[in-house]
Amino acid sequence: MSLLPDFEGLAMFAKVAEERSFAGAARALGVSVATVSRAVARLEERLGARLLNRTSRQLALTEFGRTIADSALKIYREAEEAEHAAREMSARPRGLVRLAVPMSFGVRWVAPLMPAFFREYPDVQIDLHLSDATVDLVGQGFDAALRIAVLPDSSLVARKLCPVAQIIVASPEYLATRGTPRHPSELADHPCLGYTYRARIDVWRFTNADGEEVVIKPEGPLRVTNSDALLPTVLEGLAIAEFPEFIAADHVRAGRLVPILEGWQMARGGLYFVTPSARTRPAKVEALAEFFMKHLSAPDWRLVS
């Protein structure tokens, strides 16, 4: 015999005792009369005593049945309440969301949105993990992530919020001193800074409108795990670097950085809201997805149409 109590049998017996009818219990539970009858019979066999006296016209609790009917009904009611509370919790955004976001993007664009999110969803808490390293959502227990990438096929569910372009830039002072590269192959004569976590760390791949493809290996004095750390060296006029629009936009508009090789395009990625496919999104995660779609689908930092 299983060590686990027969909760189904107890629940169905409790409903029969309450309704004083197998048919009434079946209607209330949304199952067949045969299902209720089998469950009660199984429970009686397990307990070793009859719970009900049945005739063609009448149904009555035995003395043994009366002794456990109240307890069985209490178990049933508590289970109903627990299930109701769980459904309410899953339907209303509340609870903790563990969210992984790239460092620079999180500081610049996600953290400033948090006050508005908490005003809209006061019962949701965010554990915001900032790192440029790609986290294992399932293995590390994250509910969701924002990722900026050209996403490969994976076991994750990804919702694209907006495109994100990568651009090659230099300072006006650098270009005045060293000249402006007109073709990607000319970058071999320039110091080019590197970002450790880019998808293809060792190469920059360019294509133009004619379908020409050029792959170069950037070489320079600095490689970093966070793109913001490249800015001082580039702004000081010492090198060329690749940046996502959301980092470069303010500097380009202010004239501190100048896009180069604009006739050439690098791999066009996107900003994605990613969740593990194995889970149904609870209301708290769905609320966060909709919030980001509302606030990040047409961001101010877009430079490339």
C-alpha atoms as a PDB file:
ATOM      1  CA  MET A   1       0.000   0.000   0.000  1.00  0.00           C
ATOM      2  CA  SER A   2       1.241   3.457  -0.865  1.00  0.00           C
ATOM      3  CA  LEU A   3       2.464   5.516   2.074  1.00  0.00           C
ATOM      4  CA  LEU A   4       0.859   8.564   0.455  1.00  0.00           C
ATOM      5  CA  PRO A   5      -2.706   9.195   1.711  1.00  0.00           C
ATOM      6  CA  ASP A   6      -5.482   8.662  -0.827  1.00  0.00           C
ATOM      7  CA  PHE A   7      -6.317  12.352  -1.142  1.00  0.00           C
ATOM      8  CA  GLU A   8      -8.582  11.804  -4.136  1.00  0.00           C
ATOM      9  CA  GLY A   9     -10.563   9.129  -2.325  1.00  0.00           C
ATOM     10  CA  LEU A  10     -10.875  11.281   0.785  1.00  0.00           C
ATOM     11  CA  ALA A  11     -11.999  14.281  -1.279  1.00  0.00           C
ATOM     12  CA  MET A  12     -14.642  12.292  -3.149  1.00  0.00           C
ATOM     13  CA  PHE A  13     -15.871  10.630   0.025  1.00  0.00           C
ATOM     14  CA  ALA A  14     -16.126  14.050   1.693  1.00  0.00           C
ATOM     15  CA  LYS A  15     -18.224  15.329  -1.206  1.00  0.00           C
ATOM     16  CA  VAL A  16     -20.500  12.256  -1.119  1.00  0.00           C
ATOM     17  CA  ALA A  17     -20.981  12.735   2.621  1.00  0.00           C
ATOM     18  CA  GLU A  18     -21.800  16.407   2.096  1.00  0.00           C
ATOM     19  CA  GLU A  19     -24.176  15.839  -0.831  1.00  0.00           C
ATOM     20  CA  ARG A  20     -25.618  12.562   0.565  1.00  0.00           C
ATOM     21  CA  SER A  21     -25.488  11.347  -3.016  1.00  0.00           C
ATOM     22  CA  PHE A  22     -22.982   9.837  -5.432  1.00  0.00           C
ATOM     23  CA  ALA A  23     -24.677  11.653  -8.309  1.00  0.00           C
ATOM     24  CA  GLY A  24     -24.620  14.972  -6.467  1.00  0.00           C
ATOM     25  CA  ALA A  25     -20.947  14.552  -5.608  1.00  0.00           C
ATOM     26  CA  ALA A  26     -20.158  13.655  -9.224  1.00  0.00           C
ATOM     27  CA  ARG A  27     -21.935  16.798 -10.492  1.00  0.00           C
ATOM     28  CA  ALA A  28     -20.153  19.003  -7.951  1.00  0.00           C
ATOM     29  CA  LEU A  29     -16.743  17.551  -8.831  1.00  0.00           C
ATOM     30  CA  GLY A  30     -17.298  17.429 -12.578  1.00  0.00           C
ATOM     31  CA  VAL A  31     -16.626  13.693 -12.873  1.00  0.00           C
ATOM     32  CA  SER A  32     -18.692  10.590 -13.551  1.00  0.00           C
ATOM     33  CA  VAL A  33     -20.684   8.717 -10.897  1.00  0.00           C
ATOM     34  CA  ALA A  34     -18.555   5.655 -11.671  1.00  0.00           C
ATOM     35  CA  THR A  35     -15.382   7.610 -10.890  1.00  0.00           C
ATOM     36  CA  VAL A  36     -16.748   8.678  -7.490  1.00  0.00           C
ATOM     37  CA  SER A  37     -17.958   5.170  -6.710  1.00  0.00           C
ATOM     38  CA  ARG A  38     -14.587   3.614  -7.573  1.00  0.00           C
ATOM     39  CA  ALA A  39     -12.707   6.188  -5.468  1.00  0.00           C
ATOM     40  CA  VAL A  40     -14.875   5.584  -2.388  1.00  0.00           C
ATOM     41  CA  ALA A  41     -14.616   1.801  -2.813  1.00  0.00           C
ATOM     42  CA  ARG A  42     -10.833   2.094  -3.100  1.00  0.00           C
ATOM     43  CA  LEU A  43     -10.723   4.189   0.075  1.00  0.00           C
ATOM     44  CA  GLU A  44     -12.881   1.683   1.964  1.00  0.00           C
ATOM     45  CA  GLU A  45     -10.576  -1.133   0.900  1.00  0.00           C
ATOM     46  CA  ARG A  46      -7.556   0.844   1.987  1.00  0.00           C
ATOM     47  CA  LEU A  47      -9.078   1.682   5.394  1.00  0.00           C
ATOM     48  CA  GLY A  48     -10.512  -1.807   5.899  1.00  0.00           C
ATOM     49  CA  ALA A  49     -14.052  -0.693   6.759  1.00  0.00           C
ATOM     50  CA  ARG A  50     -17.248   0.491   5.078  1.00  0.00           C
ATOM     51  CA  LEU A  51     -17.837   4.220   5.000  1.00  0.00           C
ATOM     52  CA  LEU A  52     -21.328   4.177   3.514  1.00  0.00           C
ATOM     53  CA  ASN A  53     -24.385   1.974   3.546  1.00  0.00           C
ATOM     54  CA  ARG A  54     -25.964   1.984   0.100  1.00  0.00           C
ATOM     55  CA  THR A  55     -29.351   0.764  -1.074  1.00  0.00           C
ATOM     56  CA  SER A  56     -31.171   1.501  -4.305  1.00  0.00           C
ATOM     57  CA  ARG A  57     -33.082   4.254  -2.529  1.00  0.00           C
ATOM     58  CA  GLN A  58     -30.900   5.432   0.314  1.00  0.00           C
ATOM     59  CA  LEU A  59     -27.342   6.382   1.190  1.00  0.00           C
ATOM     60  CA  ALA A  60     -26.191   6.718   4.797  1.00  0.00           C
ATOM     61  CA  LEU A  61     -22.879   7.081   6.582  1.00  0.00           C
ATOM     62  CA  THR A  62     -21.767   4.169   8.718  1.00  0.00           C
ATOM     63  CA  GLU A  63     -20.590   4.910  12.227  1.00  0.00           C
ATOM     64  CA  PHE A  64     -17.004   4.606  10.970  1.00  0.00           C
ATOM     65  CA  GLY A  65     -17.852   6.906   8.057  1.00  0.00           C
ATOM     66  CA  ARG A  66     -19.228   9.542  10.438  1.00  0.00           C
ATOM     67  CA  THR A  67     -15.986   9.494  12.462  1.00  0.00           C
ATOM     68  CA  ILE A  68     -13.854  10.491   9.490  1.00  0.00           C
ATOM     69  CA  ALA A  69     -16.312  12.527   7.379  1.00  0.00           C
ATOM     70  CA  ASP A  70     -15.566  15.823   9.144  1.00  0.00           C
ATOM     71  CA  SER A  71     -11.803  15.330   8.838  1.00  0.00           C
ATOM     72  CA  ALA A  72     -12.114  14.369   5.163  1.00  0.00           C
ATOM     73  CA  LEU A  73     -14.262  17.430   4.478  1.00  0.00           C
ATOM     74  CA  LYS A  74     -11.724  19.654   6.259  1.00  0.00           C
ATOM     75  CA  ILE A  75      -8.927  18.240   4.097  1.00  0.00           C
ATOM     76  CA  TYR A  76     -11.040  18.885   1.009  1.00  0.00           C
ATOM     77  CA  ARG A  77     -11.813  22.483   2.002  1.00  0.00           C
ATOM     78  CA  GLU A  78      -8.161  23.230   2.808  1.00  0.00           C
ATOM     79  CA  ALA A  79      -7.088  21.820  -0.543  1.00  0.00           C
ATOM     80  CA  GLU A  80      -9.714  23.975  -2.284  1.00  0.00           C
ATOM     81  CA  GLU A  81      -8.435  27.068  -0.484  1.00  0.00           C
ATOM     82  CA  ALA A  82      -4.808  26.276  -1.315  1.00  0.00           C
ATOM     83  CA  GLU A  83      -5.655  25.773  -4.976  1.00  0.00           C
ATOM     84  CA  HIS A  84      -7.706  28.969  -5.081  1.00  0.00           C
ATOM     85  CA  ALA A  85      -4.863  30.931  -3.507  1.00  0.00           C
ATOM     86  CA  ALA A  86      -2.389  29.448  -5.994  1.00  0.00           C
ATOM     87  CA  ARG A  87      -4.608  30.336  -8.962  1.00  0.00           C
ATOM     88  CA  GLU A  88      -5.055  33.862  -7.656  1.00  0.00           C
ATOM     89  CA  MET A  89      -1.301  34.232  -7.177  1.00  0.00           C
ATOM     90  CA  SER A  90      -0.542  32.957 -10.667  1.00  0.00           C
ATOM     91  CA  ALA A  91      -3.191  35.243 -12.184  1.00  0.00           C
ATOM     92  CA  ARG A  92      -2.105  38.413 -10.359  1.00  0.00           C
ATOM     93  CA  PRO A  93       1.432  39.755 -10.814  1.00  0.00           C
ATOM     94  CA  ARG A  94       3.149  39.230  -7.484  1.00  0.00           C
ATOM     95  CA  GLY A  95       6.298  37.675  -6.072  1.00  0.00           C
ATOM     96  CA  LEU A  96       9.988  37.652  -6.965  1.00  0.00           C
ATOM     97  CA  VAL A  97      11.342  37.678 -10.536  1.00  0.00           C
ATOM     98  CA  ARG A  98      15.010  36.784 -11.016  1.00  0.00           C
ATOM     99  CA  LEU A  99      16.078  38.748 -14.095  1.00  0.00           C
ATOM    100  CA  ALA A 100      19.480  38.619 -15.847  1.00  0.00           C
ATOM    101  CA  VAL A 101      20.496  41.669 -17.917  1.00  0.00           C
ATOM    102  CA  PRO A 102      23.744  42.747 -19.625  1.00  0.00           C
ATOM    103  CA  MET A 103      25.666  45.160 -17.390  1.00  0.00           C
ATOM    104  CA  SER A 104      25.758  48.345 -19.477  1.00  0.00           C
ATOM    105  CA  PHE A 105      22.241  47.944 -20.824  1.00  0.00           C
ATOM    106  CA  GLY A 106      20.886  47.211 -17.361  1.00  0.00           C
ATOM    107  CA  VAL A 107      22.472  50.257 -15.766  1.00  0.00           C
ATOM    108  CA  ARG A 108      21.550  52.622 -18.618  1.00  0.00           C
ATOM    109  CA  TRP A 109      18.106  51.415 -19.661  1.00  0.00           C
ATOM    110  CA  VAL A 110      16.612  48.886 -17.235  1.00  0.00           C
ATOM    111  CA  ALA A 111      17.398  50.380 -13.818  1.00  0.00           C
ATOM    112  CA  PRO A 112      15.830  53.766 -14.763  1.00  0.00           C
ATOM    113  CA  LEU A 113      12.585  51.942 -15.677  1.00  0.00           C
ATOM    114  CA  MET A 114      12.284  50.172 -12.346  1.00  0.00           C
ATOM    115  CA  PRO A 115      10.446  52.985 -10.475  1.00  0.00           C
ATOM    116  CA  ALA A 116       7.694  53.012 -13.113  1.00  0.00           C
ATOM    117  CA  PHE A 117       7.455  49.215 -13.001  1.00  0.00           C
ATOM    118  CA  PHE A 118       7.140  49.121  -9.207  1.00  0.00           C
ATOM    119  CA  ARG A 119       4.471  51.826  -9.253  1.00  0.00           C
ATOM    120  CA  GLU A 120       2.487  49.748 -11.738  1.00  0.00           C
ATOM    121  CA  TYR A 121       3.157  46.390 -10.028  1.00  0.00           C
ATOM    122  CA  PRO A 122       3.740  47.018  -6.316  1.00  0.00           C
ATOM    123  CA  ASP A 123       3.494  43.310  -5.425  1.00  0.00           C
ATOM    124  CA  VAL A 124       6.381  42.257  -7.696  1.00  0.00           C
ATOM    125  CA  GLN A 125      10.027  42.250  -6.607  1.00  0.00           C
ATOM    126  CA  ILE A 126      12.978  42.116  -9.017  1.00  0.00           C
ATOM    127  CA  ASP A 127      16.291  40.418  -8.345  1.00  0.00           C
ATOM    128  CA  LEU A 128      18.326  42.185 -11.066  1.00  0.00           C
ATOM    129  CA  HIS A 129      21.487  40.280 -12.008  1.00  0.00           C
ATOM    130  CA  LEU A 130      23.835  42.495 -14.065  1.00  0.00           C
ATOM    131  CA  SER A 131      26.536  40.703 -16.037  1.00  0.00           C
ATOM    132  CA  ASP A 132      27.720  40.574 -19.640  1.00  0.00           C
ATOM    133  CA  ALA A 133      28.355  36.835 -19.298  1.00  0.00           C
ATOM    134  CA  THR A 134      25.507  34.701 -20.663  1.00  0.00           C
ATOM    135  CA  VAL A 135      23.767  32.990 -17.760  1.00  0.00           C
ATOM    136  CA  ASP A 136      22.147  29.554 -17.797  1.00  0.00           C
ATOM    137  CA  LEU A 137      18.534  30.477 -17.083  1.00  0.00           C
ATOM    138  CA  VAL A 138      17.446  26.981 -16.124  1.00  0.00           C
ATOM    139  CA  GLY A 139      20.628  25.884 -14.363  1.00  0.00           C
ATOM    140  CA  GLN A 140      20.989  29.110 -12.387  1.00  0.00           C
ATOM    141  CA  GLY A 141      17.313  29.499 -11.558  1.00  0.00           C
ATOM    142  CA  PHE A 142      16.467  32.679 -13.477  1.00  0.00           C
ATOM    143  CA  ASP A 143      12.887  33.476 -14.460  1.00  0.00           C
ATOM    144  CA  ALA A 144      13.861  35.640 -17.436  1.00  0.00           C
ATOM    145  CA  ALA A 145      16.669  37.541 -19.139  1.00  0.00           C
ATOM    146  CA  LEU A 146      17.162  40.427 -21.518  1.00  0.00           C
ATOM    147  CA  ARG A 147      19.667  39.447 -24.190  1.00  0.00           C
ATOM    148  CA  ILE A 148      21.237  41.518 -26.947  1.00  0.00           C
ATOM    149  CA  ALA A 149      22.340  39.135 -29.661  1.00  0.00           C
ATOM    150  CA  VAL A 150      21.676  37.377 -32.912  1.00  0.00           C
ATOM    151  CA  LEU A 151      19.953  34.523 -31.128  1.00  0.00           C
ATOM    152  CA  PRO A 152      20.625  30.972 -32.336  1.00  0.00           C
ATOM    153  CA  ASP A 153      18.058  28.203 -32.123  1.00  0.00           C
ATOM    154  CA  SER A 154      17.757  27.132 -28.504  1.00  0.00           C
ATOM    155  CA  SER A 155      15.444  25.609 -25.940  1.00  0.00           C
ATOM    156  CA  LEU A 156      14.516  29.099 -24.734  1.00  0.00           C
ATOM    157  CA  VAL A 157      11.470  31.184 -25.619  1.00  0.00           C
ATOM    158  CA  ALA A 158      12.582  34.572 -26.938  1.00  0.00           C
ATOM    159  CA  ARG A 159      10.417  37.614 -27.647  1.00  0.00           C
ATOM    160  CA  LYS A 160      12.098  40.322 -29.731  1.00  0.00           C
ATOM    161  CA  LEU A 161      11.571  43.788 -28.294  1.00  0.00           C
ATOM    162  CA  CYS A 162      13.539  45.820 -30.867  1.00  0.00           C
ATOM    163  CA  PRO A 163      16.505  45.628 -33.266  1.00  0.00           C
ATOM    164  CA  VAL A 164      19.968  46.535 -31.972  1.00  0.00           C
ATOM    165  CA  ALA A 165      22.702  47.524 -34.425  1.00  0.00           C
ATOM    166  CA  GLN A 166      26.434  47.449 -33.817  1.00  0.00           C
ATOM    167  CA  ILE A 167      28.404  50.412 -35.158  1.00  0.00           C
ATOM    168  CA  ILE A 168      32.101  51.125 -35.626  1.00  0.00           C
ATOM    169  CA  VAL A 169      33.153  54.519 -34.250  1.00  0.00           C
ATOM    170  CA  ALA A 170      36.150  56.701 -33.547  1.00  0.00           C
ATOM    171  CA  SER A 171      36.625  60.174 -32.127  1.00  0.00           C
ATOM    172  CA  PRO A 172      36.891  63.182 -34.471  1.00  0.00           C
ATOM    173  CA  GLU A 173      40.435  63.736 -33.171  1.00  0.00           C
ATOM    174  CA  TYR A 174      41.448  60.184 -34.050  1.00  0.00           C
ATOM    175  CA  LEU A 175      40.065  60.464 -37.578  1.00  0.00           C
ATOM    176  CA  ALA A 176      41.716  63.844 -38.099  1.00  0.00           C
ATOM    177  CA  THR A 177      45.071  62.377 -37.079  1.00  0.00           C
ATOM    178  CA  ARG A 178      44.924  58.859 -38.513  1.00  0.00           C
ATOM    179  CA  GLY A 179      42.434  59.242 -41.354  1.00  0.00           C
ATOM    180  CA  THR A 180      39.029  57.660 -41.910  1.00  0.00           C
ATOM    181  CA  PRO A 181      38.910  54.022 -43.074  1.00  0.00           C
ATOM    182  CA  ARG A 182      36.729  53.665 -46.184  1.00  0.00           C
ATOM    183  CA  HIS A 183      36.852  49.877 -46.451  1.00  0.00           C
ATOM    184  CA  PRO A 184      36.861  47.272 -43.669  1.00  0.00           C
ATOM    185  CA  SER A 185      40.198  45.914 -44.891  1.00  0.00           C
ATOM    186  CA  GLU A 186      41.796  49.259 -43.952  1.00  0.00           C
ATOM    187  CA  LEU A 187      41.083  48.544 -40.271  1.00  0.00           C
ATOM    188  CA  ALA A 188      44.183  46.335 -40.299  1.00  0.00           C
ATOM    189  CA  ASP A 189      46.196  49.569 -40.140  1.00  0.00           C
ATOM    190  CA  HIS A 190      44.324  50.878 -37.085  1.00  0.00           C
ATOM    191  CA  PRO A 191      44.178  49.874 -33.393  1.00  0.00           C
ATOM    192  CA  CYS A 192      40.744  48.289 -32.811  1.00  0.00           C
ATOM    193  CA  LEU A 193      39.532  47.491 -29.325  1.00  0.00           C
ATOM    194  CA  GLY A 194      37.877  44.195 -28.395  1.00  0.00           C
ATOM    195  CA  TYR A 195      34.912  42.979 -26.343  1.00  0.00           C
ATOM    196  CA  THR A 196      35.319  39.575 -24.735  1.00  0.00           C
ATOM    197  CA  TYR A 197      31.687  38.472 -24.734  1.00  0.00           C
ATOM    198  CA  ARG A 198      30.777  39.192 -28.357  1.00  0.00           C
ATOM    199  CA  ALA A 199      29.525  36.138 -30.259  1.00  0.00           C
ATOM    200  CA  ARG A 200      32.578  35.987 -32.541  1.00  0.00           C
ATOM    201  CA  ILE A 201      35.266  37.375 -30.311  1.00  0.00           C
ATOM    202  CA  ASP A 202      38.097  37.203 -32.833  1.00  0.00           C
ATOM    203  CA  VAL A 203      36.522  38.707 -35.945  1.00  0.00           C
ATOM    204  CA  TRP A 204      34.398  41.572 -37.209  1.00  0.00           C
ATOM    205  CA  ARG A 205      32.222  40.537 -40.155  1.00  0.00           C
ATOM    206  CA  PHE A 206      30.976  43.186 -42.597  1.00  0.00           C
ATOM    207  CA  THR A 207      28.628  43.077 -45.601  1.00  0.00           C
ATOM    208  CA  ASN A 208      27.585  45.828 -47.988  1.00  0.00           C
ATOM    209  CA  ALA A 209      24.623  46.442 -50.274  1.00  0.00           C
ATOM    210  CA  ASP A 210      26.364  44.604 -53.126  1.00  0.00           C
ATOM    211  CA  GLY A 211      26.650  41.453 -51.041  1.00  0.00           C
ATOM    212  CA  GLU A 212      30.398  41.747 -50.552  1.00  0.00           C
ATOM    213  CA  GLU A 213      31.541  40.195 -47.293  1.00  0.00           C
ATOM    214  CA  VAL A 214      34.723  41.129 -45.455  1.00  0.00           C
ATOM    215  CA  VAL A 215      36.014  39.518 -42.287  1.00  0.00           C
ATOM    216  CA  ILE A 216      38.768  41.219 -40.316  1.00  0.00           C
ATOM    217  CA  LYS A 217      40.486  40.391 -37.056  1.00  0.00           C
ATOM    218  CA  PRO A 218      40.554  43.493 -34.838  1.00  0.00           C
ATOM    219  CA  GLU A 219      43.791  44.026 -32.966  1.00  0.00           C
ATOM    220  CA  GLY A 220      44.509  46.697 -30.400  1.00  0.00           C
ATOM    221  CA  PRO A 221      45.794  47.465 -26.919  1.00  0.00           C
ATOM    222  CA  LEU A 222      42.608  46.719 -24.936  1.00  0.00           C
ATOM    223  CA  ARG A 223      40.047  43.958 -24.581  1.00  0.00           C
ATOM    224  CA  VAL A 224      37.282  44.188 -21.964  1.00  0.00           C
ATOM    225  CA  THR A 225      34.347  42.257 -20.493  1.00  0.00           C
ATOM    226  CA  ASN A 226      32.132  45.368 -20.508  1.00  0.00           C
ATOM    227  CA  SER A 227      31.860  47.716 -23.475  1.00  0.00           C
ATOM    228  CA  ASP A 228      31.645  50.864 -21.344  1.00  0.00           C
ATOM    229  CA  ALA A 229      35.255  50.262 -20.359  1.00  0.00           C
ATOM    230  CA  LEU A 230      36.287  50.928 -23.987  1.00  0.00           C
ATOM    231  CA  LEU A 231      34.867  54.445 -24.028  1.00  0.00           C
ATOM    232  CA  PRO A 232      37.719  56.388 -22.334  1.00  0.00           C
ATOM    233  CA  THR A 233      40.341  55.027 -24.751  1.00  0.00           C
ATOM    234  CA  VAL A 234      38.148  55.692 -27.785  1.00  0.00           C
ATOM    235  CA  LEU A 235      37.043  59.148 -26.625  1.00  0.00           C
ATOM    236  CA  GLU A 236      40.696  60.071 -26.027  1.00  0.00           C
ATOM    237  CA  GLY A 237      41.395  59.458 -29.701  1.00  0.00           C
ATOM    238  CA  LEU A 238      43.589  56.377 -29.299  1.00  0.00           C
ATOM    239  CA  ALA A 239      41.612  53.670 -31.112  1.00  0.00           C
ATOM    240  CA  ILE A 240      38.558  52.509 -33.040  1.00  0.00           C
ATOM    241  CA  ALA A 241      35.894  50.349 -31.396  1.00  0.00           C
ATOM    242  CA  GLU A 242      32.602  48.572 -32.011  1.00  0.00           C
ATOM    243  CA  PHE A 243      29.669  49.587 -29.819  1.00  0.00           C
ATOM    244  CA  PRO A 244      25.972  48.754 -29.658  1.00  0.00           C
ATOM    245  CA  GLU A 245      23.728  51.708 -30.418  1.00  0.00           C
ATOM    246  CA  PHE A 246      22.551  52.067 -26.838  1.00  0.00           C
ATOM    247  CA  ILE A 247      26.098  52.903 -25.681  1.00  0.00           C
ATOM    248  CA  ALA A 248      27.225  54.971 -28.672  1.00  0.00           C
ATOM    249  CA  ALA A 249      24.077  57.014 -29.381  1.00  0.00           C
ATOM    250  CA  ASP A 250      24.589  59.900 -26.913  1.00  0.00           C
ATOM    251  CA  HIS A 251      28.250  60.293 -27.887  1.00  0.00           C
ATOM    252  CA  VAL A 252      27.449  60.234 -31.614  1.00  0.00           C
ATOM    253  CA  ARG A 253      24.712  62.849 -31.257  1.00  0.00           C
ATOM    254  CA  ALA A 254      27.010  65.045 -29.191  1.00  0.00           C
ATOM    255  CA  GLY A 255      29.761  64.760 -31.794  1.00  0.00           C
ATOM    256  CA  ARG A 256      32.201  63.023 -29.455  1.00  0.00           C
ATOM    257  CA  LEU A 257      32.175  59.873 -31.631  1.00  0.00           C
ATOM    258  CA  VAL A 258      31.774  59.495 -35.385  1.00  0.00           C
ATOM    259  CA  PRO A 259      30.356  56.369 -37.107  1.00  0.00           C
ATOM    260  CA  ILE A 260      32.632  55.028 -39.827  1.00  0.00           C
ATOM    261  CA  LEU A 261      32.169  52.439 -42.585  1.00  0.00           C
ATOM    262  CA  GLU A 262      28.490  53.381 -42.753  1.00  0.00           C
ATOM    263  CA  GLY A 263      28.126  51.680 -46.111  1.00  0.00           C
ATOM    264  CA  TRP A 264      28.926  48.412 -44.397  1.00  0.00           C
ATOM    265  CA  GLN A 265      26.735  46.503 -42.006  1.00  0.00           C
ATOM    266  CA  MET A 266      27.672  44.196 -39.160  1.00  0.00           C
ATOM    267  CA  ALA A 267      25.415  41.381 -37.952  1.00  0.00           C
ATOM    268  CA  ARG A 268      22.124  42.976 -36.934  1.00  0.00           C
ATOM    269  CA  GLY A 269      20.986  41.622 -33.585  1.00  0.00           C
ATOM    270  CA  GLY A 270      18.096  42.437 -31.341  1.00  0.00           C
ATOM    271  CA  LEU A 271      16.984  42.972 -27.789  1.00  0.00           C
ATOM    272  CA  TYR A 272      15.106  39.875 -26.606  1.00  0.00           C
ATOM    273  CA  PHE A 273      13.061  38.986 -23.542  1.00  0.00           C
ATOM    274  CA  VAL A 274      13.974  35.363 -22.911  1.00  0.00           C
ATOM    275  CA  THR A 275      12.381  32.758 -20.635  1.00  0.00           C
ATOM    276  CA  PRO A 276      12.882  29.003 -20.169  1.00  0.00           C
ATOM    277  CA  SER A 277      10.545  27.112 -22.479  1.00  0.00           C
ATOM    278  CA  ALA A 278       9.923  24.472 -19.827  1.00  0.00           C
ATOM    279  CA  ARG A 279       7.878  26.866 -17.730  1.00  0.00           C
ATOM    280  CA  THR A 280       4.520  28.483 -18.253  1.00  0.00           C
ATOM    281  CA  ARG A 281       5.047  32.170 -17.691  1.00  0.00           C
ATOM    282  CA  PRO A 282       3.485  33.226 -14.394  1.00  0.00           C
ATOM    283  CA  ALA A 283       1.676  36.557 -14.279  1.00  0.00           C
ATOM    284  CA  LYS A 284       4.667  38.342 -12.707  1.00  0.00           C
ATOM    285  CA  VAL A 285       6.934  37.359 -15.639  1.00  0.00           C
ATOM    286  CA  GLU A 286       4.300  38.135 -18.260  1.00  0.00           C
ATOM    287  CA  ALA A 287       3.769  41.562 -16.672  1.00  0.00           C
ATOM    288  CA  LEU A 288       7.503  42.265 -16.934  1.00  0.00           C
ATOM    289  CA  ALA A 289       7.560  41.146 -20.580  1.00  0.00           C
ATOM    290  CA  GLU A 290       4.666  43.449 -21.474  1.00  0.00           C
ATOM    291  CA  PHE A 291       6.235  46.318 -19.549  1.00  0.00           C
ATOM    292  CA  PHE A 292       9.518  45.988 -21.447  1.00  0.00           C
ATOM    293  CA  MET A 293       7.670  45.701 -24.745  1.00  0.00           C
ATOM    294  CA  LYS A 294       5.890  48.955 -23.975  1.00  0.00           C
ATOM    295  CA  HIS A 295       9.001  50.860 -22.902  1.00  0.00           C
ATOM    296  CA  LEU A 296      11.787  49.347 -25.011  1.00  0.00           C
ATOM    297  CA  SER A 297      10.195  48.563 -28.381  1.00  0.00           C
ATOM    298  CA  ALA A 298      10.977  52.052 -29.775  1.00  0.00           C
ATOM    299  CA  PRO A 299      13.901  53.335 -27.653  1.00  0.00           C
ATOM    300  CA  ASP A 300      15.517  56.757 -27.981  1.00  0.00           C
ATOM    301  CA  TRP A 301      18.937  55.259 -28.656  1.00  0.00           C
ATOM    302  CA  ARG A 302      18.153  53.877 -32.115  1.00  0.00           C
ATOM    303  CA  LEU A 303      20.627  55.280 -34.670  1.00  0.00           C
ATOM    304  CA  VAL A 304      20.235  52.758 -37.482  1.00  0.00           C
ATOM    305  CA  SER A 305      16.842  52.343 -39.123  1.00  0.00           C
END
